[in-house]
Amino acid sequence: MSPSRTFILRPVATALLTIGILLAGGVAYLQLPVSALPQVDYPTIQVVTFYPGASPDVMASSVTTPLERQFGQLPGLKQMTSTSSFGASLITLQFIIEYQIDVAEQQVQAAINAASALLPKDLPNPPVYSKANPADTPVLTLALTSDTLPLQRVQDLADTNLAQKISQLPGVGLVSISGGQRPAVRVQADPMKLASYGLSLEDLRAVLGQANVDQAKGNLEGPPPGVHHRRQRPALLGGRVPRGRDHLPQRRAGTPDRRR
C-alpha cells in the first residue's frame, strides 16, 4: 500500500495534521533563545603601515587618510576603523558576513596599489594586510630562549625562519613577534651648536639618512656566478665623518662651511 493512500482517503485529518504541525513550529520558533552577543565571525582584514619618525598627525594625514579613501570604495564593507599613532597606522576593515574573505583580500590589495601613489615617497615598506581579527585572542603563544645566542640573534631567527614557516601553515591568519631587541643607533644632537652652523634637526636627519644608505650596487660577471654586492655608505659616528668631507650640507648664511 502506498504511504500517501491514507492521506488521500482522509483529507480532513491530513489538513488538521498539517495545521497542527504549523502551529507547533510557530510556537517553537517563538521560544527559541536569542543571544545578545552571538558568536559570529565577520570577514576582517587588518592593514598596518609603518612610517618611522612620523607624528600621529602626519600619519593620519599622509598615510591613514589616503588609504581610507580607497578602502571606503570597496563593495561589501560594513565597518572601517583606524588608529594613527607615532610611526604606525592601523586600519581594520570588517565586511558583511556573506562576503568571501578571499575576494575581500584581493580588493584590499588592489586598493593599496591604487593608494601607493598618494603615500609618502620615503615610506620604508608598503602597507601590510592580514586576514585576522584584532579582537581575537592568540591561539598559540611560543617563547624562545637561548643560553648562547644574544637576544638580537634570537629575534632575527624568529623573524626570518620560525615566523615564515608558521605563517605558511593552513588556517594561520597572522603571526606577530614581540619582546625582541633590534639594533639601533641613537644620535643626541646639540640644537645650539647646530644653530651656530646654520643647521637644524631636519638637516641632521637628512644627512644621517643620506649617509647610511644600504642598497644593491650591482653584480660581477664571472665565477662564482650570481654574487651580488652591497655597499654601505659611511655613517656619522662620534661627531665626525669617517671618510670624506662631503656629508655635511653647506652653511646657509655666508660661504660654504664643511667640517669633520
Foldseek 3Di string as FASTA:
>chain_A
DDPCPVCVVCVVVVVVVVVVVVVVVVVVVVVDDDDPDDPADFFKKKKKFFAAPDAQVCCVPAPVVLLCVLVVPDPQWDDWDWDGHHGMIMIMTTGDRVDDNVVVVVSSVVSQVVSPVRHDPVRPDGMDMWRDDPVDDDPDDDDDDDPPDDQQVVVVCCVPPVQVVVCPDPPDTDDDDDDGDHDDDDDDDDQVVCVVQQHHPVQVVVLQVVQFDWDWDADDDDPPPPDTDIDTGFGQPPNDTPDDFPRHFARPPDGGDTDD
